[in-house]
């Protein structure tokens, strides 16, 4: 069960627009590529889990901390 629709991250949108207007630095180009691939993977995951037979809750957009390291789920 999807609780909310996935939206593109603001950083991804900004870098896409900047790429159309200027030449991005190598660092920004790499960041854009990483964000594009990450978002594509998230969309693919959403499509694969969309029609699961069992009822489940899939929670996106969590920021978790483990051993002083932060990571997000979406």
PDB file of N, CA and C in Angstrom:
ATOM      1  N   UNK A   1       0.846  -1.175   0.000  1.00  0.00           N
ATOM      2  CA  UNK A   1       0.000   0.000   0.000  1.00  0.00           C
ATOM      3  C   UNK A   1       0.894   1.242   0.000  1.00  0.00           C
ATOM      4  N   UNK A   2       0.687   2.103  -0.970  1.00  0.00           N
ATOM      5  CA  UNK A   2       1.478   3.321  -1.079  1.00  0.00           C
ATOM      6  C   UNK A   2       0.806   4.416  -0.257  1.00  0.00           C
ATOM      7  N   UNK A   3       1.562   4.970   0.691  1.00  0.00           N
ATOM      8  CA  UNK A   3       1.007   6.008   1.544  1.00  0.00           C
ATOM      9  C   UNK A   3       1.112   7.391   0.908  1.00  0.00           C
ATOM     10  N   UNK A   4       2.126   7.590   0.072  1.00  0.00           N
ATOM     11  CA  UNK A   4       2.251   8.867  -0.632  1.00  0.00           C
ATOM     12  C   UNK A   4       3.014   8.648  -1.925  1.00  0.00           C
ATOM     13  N   UNK A   5       2.783   9.502  -2.884  1.00  0.00           N
ATOM     14  CA  UNK A   5       3.444   9.404  -4.178  1.00  0.00           C
ATOM     15  C   UNK A   5       4.896   9.858  -4.056  1.00  0.00           C
ATOM     16  N   UNK A   6       5.764   9.229  -4.823  1.00  0.00           N
ATOM     17  CA  UNK A   6       7.177   9.613  -4.836  1.00  0.00           C
ATOM     18  C   UNK A   6       7.335  10.870  -5.689  1.00  0.00           C
ATOM     19  N   UNK A   7       8.138  11.783  -5.230  1.00  0.00           N
ATOM     20  CA  UNK A   7       8.422  12.997  -5.991  1.00  0.00           C
ATOM     21  C   UNK A   7       9.925  13.082  -6.243  1.00  0.00           C
ATOM     22  N   UNK A   8      10.283  13.753  -7.316  1.00  0.00           N
ATOM     23  CA  UNK A   8      11.697  13.909  -7.629  1.00  0.00           C
ATOM     24  C   UNK A   8      12.339  14.848  -6.615  1.00  0.00           C
ATOM     25  N   UNK A   9      13.545  14.510  -6.156  1.00  0.00           N
ATOM     26  CA  UNK A   9      14.230  15.374  -5.194  1.00  0.00           C
ATOM     27  C   UNK A   9      14.521  16.749  -5.793  1.00  0.00           C
ATOM     28  N   UNK A  10      14.447  17.768  -4.966  1.00  0.00           N
ATOM     29  CA  UNK A  10      14.688  19.137  -5.420  1.00  0.00           C
ATOM     30  C   UNK A  10      16.089  19.283  -6.010  1.00  0.00           C
ATOM     31  N   UNK A  11      17.093  18.650  -5.400  1.00  0.00           N
ATOM     32  CA  UNK A  11      18.457  18.745  -5.910  1.00  0.00           C
ATOM     33  C   UNK A  11      18.544  18.194  -7.338  1.00  0.00           C
ATOM     34  N   UNK A  12      17.836  17.117  -7.611  1.00  0.00           N
ATOM     35  CA  UNK A  12      17.821  16.543  -8.956  1.00  0.00           C
ATOM     36  C   UNK A  12      17.198  17.527  -9.944  1.00  0.00           C
ATOM     37  N   UNK A  13      16.088  18.109  -9.578  1.00  0.00           N
ATOM     38  CA  UNK A  13      15.421  19.076 -10.458  1.00  0.00           C
ATOM     39  C   UNK A  13      16.317  20.280 -10.737  1.00  0.00           C
ATOM     40  N   UNK A  14      16.962  20.795  -9.698  1.00  0.00           N
ATOM     41  CA  UNK A  14      17.829  21.966  -9.862  1.00  0.00           C
ATOM     42  C   UNK A  14      19.003  21.647 -10.778  1.00  0.00           C
ATOM     43  N   UNK A  15      19.661  20.508 -10.546  1.00  0.00           N
ATOM     44  CA  UNK A  15      20.812  20.157 -11.386  1.00  0.00           C
ATOM     45  C   UNK A  15      20.403  19.924 -12.835  1.00  0.00           C
ATOM     46  N   UNK A  16      19.236  19.351 -13.062  1.00  0.00           N
ATOM     47  CA  UNK A  16      18.751  19.181 -14.439  1.00  0.00           C
ATOM     48  C   UNK A  16      18.596  20.530 -15.131  1.00  0.00           C
ATOM     49  N   UNK A  17      17.986  21.482 -14.428  1.00  0.00           N
ATOM     50  CA  UNK A  17      17.783  22.814 -15.010  1.00  0.00           C
ATOM     51  C   UNK A  17      19.104  23.521 -15.247  1.00  0.00           C
ATOM     52  N   UNK A  18      20.026  23.397 -14.292  1.00  0.00           N
ATOM     53  CA  UNK A  18      21.329  24.031 -14.466  1.00  0.00           C
ATOM     54  C   UNK A  18      22.086  23.427 -15.641  1.00  0.00           C
ATOM     55  N   UNK A  19      21.974  22.118 -15.828  1.00  0.00           N
ATOM     56  CA  UNK A  19      22.662  21.448 -16.941  1.00  0.00           C
ATOM     57  C   UNK A  19      22.199  22.009 -18.282  1.00  0.00           C
ATOM     58  N   UNK A  20      20.921  22.370 -18.366  1.00  0.00           N
ATOM     59  CA  UNK A  20      20.386  22.942 -19.609  1.00  0.00           C
ATOM     60  C   UNK A  20      20.891  24.354 -19.856  1.00  0.00           C
ATOM     61  N   UNK A  21      21.361  25.027 -18.811  1.00  0.00           N
ATOM     62  CA  UNK A  21      21.753  26.430 -18.930  1.00  0.00           C
ATOM     63  C   UNK A  21      23.260  26.661 -18.931  1.00  0.00           C
ATOM     64  N   UNK A  22      24.015  25.673 -18.436  1.00  0.00           N
ATOM     65  CA  UNK A  22      25.460  25.868 -18.313  1.00  0.00           C
ATOM     66  C   UNK A  22      26.172  24.526 -18.293  1.00  0.00           C
ATOM     67  N   UNK A  23      27.467  24.567 -18.381  1.00  0.00           N
ATOM     68  CA  UNK A  23      28.258  23.342 -18.274  1.00  0.00           C
ATOM     69  C   UNK A  23      28.534  23.091 -16.800  1.00  0.00           C
ATOM     70  N   UNK A  24      28.133  21.914 -16.324  1.00  0.00           N
ATOM     71  CA  UNK A  24      28.317  21.577 -14.924  1.00  0.00           C
ATOM     72  C   UNK A  24      29.760  21.146 -14.664  1.00  0.00           C
ATOM     73  N   UNK A  25      30.215  21.384 -13.443  1.00  0.00           N
ATOM     74  CA  UNK A  25      31.536  20.896 -13.043  1.00  0.00           C
ATOM     75  C   UNK A  25      31.501  19.368 -13.013  1.00  0.00           C
ATOM     76  N   UNK A  26      32.658  18.760 -12.966  1.00  0.00           N
ATOM     77  CA  UNK A  26      32.730  17.296 -12.918  1.00  0.00           C
ATOM     78  C   UNK A  26      32.004  16.770 -11.678  1.00  0.00           C
ATOM     79  N   UNK A  27      32.175  17.469 -10.573  1.00  0.00           N
ATOM     80  CA  UNK A  27      31.521  17.056  -9.320  1.00  0.00           C
ATOM     81  C   UNK A  27      30.002  17.122  -9.452  1.00  0.00           C
ATOM     82  N   UNK A  28      29.498  18.218 -10.020  1.00  0.00           N
ATOM     83  CA  UNK A  28      28.053  18.370 -10.186  1.00  0.00           C
ATOM     84  C   UNK A  28      27.493  17.382 -11.209  1.00  0.00           C
ATOM     85  N   UNK A  29      28.253  17.112 -12.262  1.00  0.00           N
ATOM     86  CA  UNK A  29      27.824  16.128 -13.263  1.00  0.00           C
ATOM     87  C   UNK A  29      27.712  14.741 -12.637  1.00  0.00           C
ATOM     88  N   UNK A  30      28.700  14.401 -11.811  1.00  0.00           N
ATOM     89  CA  UNK A  30      28.667  13.109 -11.127  1.00  0.00           C
ATOM     90  C   UNK A  30      27.479  13.042 -10.166  1.00  0.00           C
ATOM     91  N   UNK A  31      27.232  14.133  -9.452  1.00  0.00           N
ATOM     92  CA  UNK A  31      26.094  14.181  -8.518  1.00  0.00           C
ATOM     93  C   UNK A  31      24.782  14.032  -9.273  1.00  0.00           C
ATOM     94  N   UNK A  32      24.650  14.708 -10.409  1.00  0.00           N
ATOM     95  CA  UNK A  32      23.437  14.599 -11.226  1.00  0.00           C
ATOM     96  C   UNK A  32      23.243  13.164 -11.695  1.00  0.00           C
ATOM     97  N   UNK A  33      24.302  12.554 -12.172  1.00  0.00           N
ATOM     98  CA  UNK A  33      24.227  11.169 -12.640  1.00  0.00           C
ATOM     99  C   UNK A  33      23.806  10.228 -11.509  1.00  0.00           C
ATOM    100  N   UNK A  34      24.387  10.426 -10.340  1.00  0.00           N
ATOM    101  CA  UNK A  34      24.036   9.593  -9.179  1.00  0.00           C
ATOM    102  C   UNK A  34      22.580   9.776  -8.780  1.00  0.00           C
ATOM    103  N   UNK A  35      22.118  11.022  -8.772  1.00  0.00           N
ATOM    104  CA  UNK A  35      20.723  11.291  -8.416  1.00  0.00           C
ATOM    105  C   UNK A  35      19.767  10.700  -9.445  1.00  0.00           C
ATOM    106  N   UNK A  36      20.112  10.813 -10.729  1.00  0.00           N
ATOM    107  CA  UNK A  36      19.267  10.245 -11.791  1.00  0.00           C
ATOM    108  C   UNK A  36      19.140   8.733 -11.624  1.00  0.00           C
ATOM    109  N   UNK A  37      20.274   8.064 -11.410  1.00  0.00           N
ATOM    110  CA  UNK A  37      20.264   6.609 -11.245  1.00  0.00           C
ATOM    111  C   UNK A  37      19.516   6.204  -9.985  1.00  0.00           C
ATOM    112  N   UNK A  38      19.723   6.940  -8.906  1.00  0.00           N
ATOM    113  CA  UNK A  38      19.032   6.630  -7.655  1.00  0.00           C
ATOM    114  C   UNK A  38      17.529   6.776  -7.784  1.00  0.00           C
ATOM    115  N   UNK A  39      17.102   7.868  -8.409  1.00  0.00           N
ATOM    116  CA  UNK A  39      15.666   8.086  -8.588  1.00  0.00           C
ATOM    117  C   UNK A  39      15.062   7.024  -9.507  1.00  0.00           C
ATOM    118  N   UNK A  40      15.775   6.675 -10.580  1.00  0.00           N
ATOM    119  CA  UNK A  40      15.286   5.625 -11.489  1.00  0.00           C
ATOM    120  C   UNK A  40      15.131   4.301 -10.736  1.00  0.00           C
ATOM    121  N   UNK A  41      16.074   3.994  -9.860  1.00  0.00           N
ATOM    122  CA  UNK A  41      15.984   2.776  -9.052  1.00  0.00           C
ATOM    123  C   UNK A  41      14.800   2.795  -8.106  1.00  0.00           C
ATOM    124  N   UNK A  42      14.541   3.955  -7.514  1.00  0.00           N
ATOM    125  CA  UNK A  42      13.396   4.080  -6.610  1.00  0.00           C
ATOM    126  C   UNK A  42      12.084   3.890  -7.360  1.00  0.00           C
ATOM    127  N   UNK A  43      12.000   4.462  -8.561  1.00  0.00           N
ATOM    128  CA  UNK A  43      10.784   4.314  -9.376  1.00  0.00           C
ATOM    129  C   UNK A  43      10.602   2.849  -9.778  1.00  0.00           C
ATOM    130  N   UNK A  44      11.702   2.177 -10.132  1.00  0.00           N
ATOM    131  CA  UNK A  44      11.639   0.770 -10.492  1.00  0.00           C
ATOM    132  C   UNK A  44      11.174  -0.067  -9.290  1.00  0.00           C
ATOM    133  N   UNK A  45      11.691   0.248  -8.117  1.00  0.00           N
ATOM    134  CA  UNK A  45      11.267  -0.451  -6.904  1.00  0.00           C
ATOM    135  C   UNK A  45       9.772  -0.250  -6.671  1.00  0.00           C
ATOM    136  N   UNK A  46       9.298   0.980  -6.841  1.00  0.00           N
ATOM    137  CA  UNK A  46       7.864   1.267  -6.679  1.00  0.00           C
ATOM    138  C   UNK A  46       7.029   0.427  -7.635  1.00  0.00           C
ATOM    139  N   UNK A  47       7.474   0.312  -8.883  1.00  0.00           N
ATOM    140  CA  UNK A  47       6.736  -0.466  -9.872  1.00  0.00           C
ATOM    141  C   UNK A  47       6.718  -1.945  -9.516  1.00  0.00           C
ATOM    142  N   UNK A  48       7.842  -2.458  -9.019  1.00  0.00           N
ATOM    143  CA  UNK A  48       7.914  -3.880  -8.671  1.00  0.00           C
ATOM    144  C   UNK A  48       7.066  -4.215  -7.442  1.00  0.00           C
ATOM    145  N   UNK A  49       6.922  -3.287  -6.535  1.00  0.00           N
ATOM    146  CA  UNK A  49       6.172  -3.555  -5.300  1.00  0.00           C
ATOM    147  C   UNK A  49       4.716  -3.108  -5.386  1.00  0.00           C
ATOM    148  N   UNK A  50       4.336  -2.510  -6.500  1.00  0.00           N
ATOM    149  CA  UNK A  50       2.998  -1.952  -6.653  1.00  0.00           C
ATOM    150  C   UNK A  50       1.891  -2.998  -6.516  1.00  0.00           C
ATOM    151  N   UNK A  51       2.116  -4.181  -7.035  1.00  0.00           N
ATOM    152  CA  UNK A  51       1.057  -5.192  -7.080  1.00  0.00           C
ATOM    153  C   UNK A  51       1.358  -6.416  -6.226  1.00  0.00           C
ATOM    154  N   UNK A  52       1.995  -6.207  -5.100  1.00  0.00           N
ATOM    155  CA  UNK A  52       2.252  -7.330  -4.200  1.00  0.00           C
ATOM    156  C   UNK A  52       0.938  -7.902  -3.700  1.00  0.00           C
ATOM    157  N   UNK A  53       0.870  -9.211  -3.606  1.00  0.00           N
ATOM    158  CA  UNK A  53      -0.365  -9.865  -3.177  1.00  0.00           C
ATOM    159  C   UNK A  53      -0.637  -9.606  -1.693  1.00  0.00           C
ATOM    160  N   UNK A  54       0.403  -9.618  -0.890  1.00  0.00           N
ATOM    161  CA  UNK A  54       0.222  -9.397   0.540  1.00  0.00           C
ATOM    162  C   UNK A  54       0.083  -7.897   0.810  1.00  0.00           C
ATOM    163  N   UNK A  55      -0.624  -7.571   1.868  1.00  0.00           N
ATOM    164  CA  UNK A  55      -0.739  -6.170   2.234  1.00  0.00           C
ATOM    165  C   UNK A  55       0.515  -5.768   2.995  1.00  0.00           C
ATOM    166  N   UNK A  56       1.174  -4.726   2.524  1.00  0.00           N
ATOM    167  CA  UNK A  56       2.400  -4.228   3.154  1.00  0.00           C
ATOM    168  C   UNK A  56       2.398  -2.713   3.122  1.00  0.00           C
ATOM    169  N   UNK A  57       3.151  -2.150   4.033  1.00  0.00           N
ATOM    170  CA  UNK A  57       3.387  -0.712   4.034  1.00  0.00           C
ATOM    171  C   UNK A  57       4.846  -0.494   3.661  1.00  0.00           C
ATOM    172  N   UNK A  58       5.077   0.322   2.674  1.00  0.00           N
ATOM    173  CA  UNK A  58       6.436   0.668   2.265  1.00  0.00           C
ATOM    174  C   UNK A  58       6.628   2.132   2.626  1.00  0.00           C
ATOM    175  N   UNK A  59       7.594   2.371   3.502  1.00  0.00           N
ATOM    176  CA  UNK A  59       7.812   3.712   4.038  1.00  0.00           C
ATOM    177  C   UNK A  59       9.036   4.318   3.368  1.00  0.00           C
ATOM    178  N   UNK A  60       8.836   5.435   2.694  1.00  0.00           N
ATOM    179  CA  UNK A  60       9.918   6.164   2.037  1.00  0.00           C
ATOM    180  C   UNK A  60      10.282   7.384   2.881  1.00  0.00           C
ATOM    181  N   UNK A  61      11.373   8.009   2.507  1.00  0.00           N
ATOM    182  CA  UNK A  61      11.788   9.294   3.084  1.00  0.00           C
ATOM    183  C   UNK A  61      12.102   9.232   4.572  1.00  0.00           C
ATOM    184  N   UNK A  62      12.783   8.184   4.998  1.00  0.00           N
ATOM    185  CA  UNK A  62      13.243   8.117   6.374  1.00  0.00           C
ATOM    186  C   UNK A  62      14.717   8.487   6.430  1.00  0.00           C
ATOM    187  N   UNK A  63      15.111   9.187   7.467  1.00  0.00           N
ATOM    188  CA  UNK A  63      16.521   9.456   7.717  1.00  0.00           C
ATOM    189  C   UNK A  63      16.885   8.695   8.970  1.00  0.00           C
ATOM    190  N   UNK A  64      17.761   7.710   8.829  1.00  0.00           N
ATOM    191  CA  UNK A  64      18.126   6.832   9.933  1.00  0.00           C
ATOM    192  C   UNK A  64      19.580   7.061  10.325  1.00  0.00           C
ATOM    193  N   UNK A  65      19.879   6.774  11.603  1.00  0.00           N
ATOM    194  CA  UNK A  65      21.244   6.908  12.092  1.00  0.00           C
ATOM    195  C   UNK A  65      21.677   5.597  12.717  1.00  0.00           C
ATOM    196  N   UNK A  66      22.840   5.098  12.300  1.00  0.00           N
ATOM    197  CA  UNK A  66      23.426   3.895  12.866  1.00  0.00           C
ATOM    198  C   UNK A  66      24.905   4.170  13.088  1.00  0.00           C
ATOM    199  N   UNK A  67      25.360   4.004  14.293  1.00  0.00           N
ATOM    200  CA  UNK A  67      26.780   4.238  14.633  1.00  0.00           C
ATOM    201  C   UNK A  67      27.279   5.586  14.123  1.00  0.00           C
ATOM    202  N   UNK A  68      26.548   6.632  14.401  1.00  0.00           N
ATOM    203  CA  UNK A  68      26.889   7.996  14.005  1.00  0.00           C
ATOM    204  C   UNK A  68      26.959   8.207  12.494  1.00  0.00           C
ATOM    205  N   UNK A  69      26.397   7.299  11.715  1.00  0.00           N
ATOM    206  CA  UNK A  69      26.291   7.460  10.266  1.00  0.00           C
ATOM    207  C   UNK A  69      24.831   7.613   9.904  1.00  0.00           C
ATOM    208  N   UNK A  70      24.533   8.561   9.043  1.00  0.00           N
ATOM    209  CA  UNK A  70      23.161   8.812   8.618  1.00  0.00           C
ATOM    210  C   UNK A  70      22.947   8.225   7.232  1.00  0.00           C
ATOM    211  N   UNK A  71      21.771   7.688   6.995  1.00  0.00           N
ATOM    212  CA  UNK A  71      21.398   7.259   5.656  1.00  0.00           C
ATOM    213  C   UNK A  71      19.893   7.408   5.510  1.00  0.00           C
ATOM    214  N   UNK A  72      19.444   7.569   4.277  1.00  0.00           N
ATOM    215  CA  UNK A  72      18.011   7.775   4.052  1.00  0.00           C
ATOM    216  C   UNK A  72      17.466   6.621   3.227  1.00  0.00           C
ATOM    217  N   UNK A  73      16.154   6.412   3.328  1.00  0.00           N
ATOM    218  CA  UNK A  73      15.504   5.327   2.619  1.00  0.00           C
ATOM    219  C   UNK A  73      14.806   5.821   1.357  1.00  0.00           C
ATOM    220  N   UNK A  74      14.902   7.064   1.041  1.00  0.00           N
ATOM    221  CA  UNK A  74      14.224   7.485  -0.173  1.00  0.00           C
ATOM    222  C   UNK A  74      14.360   8.908  -0.484  1.00  0.00           C
TER     223      UNK A  74
END
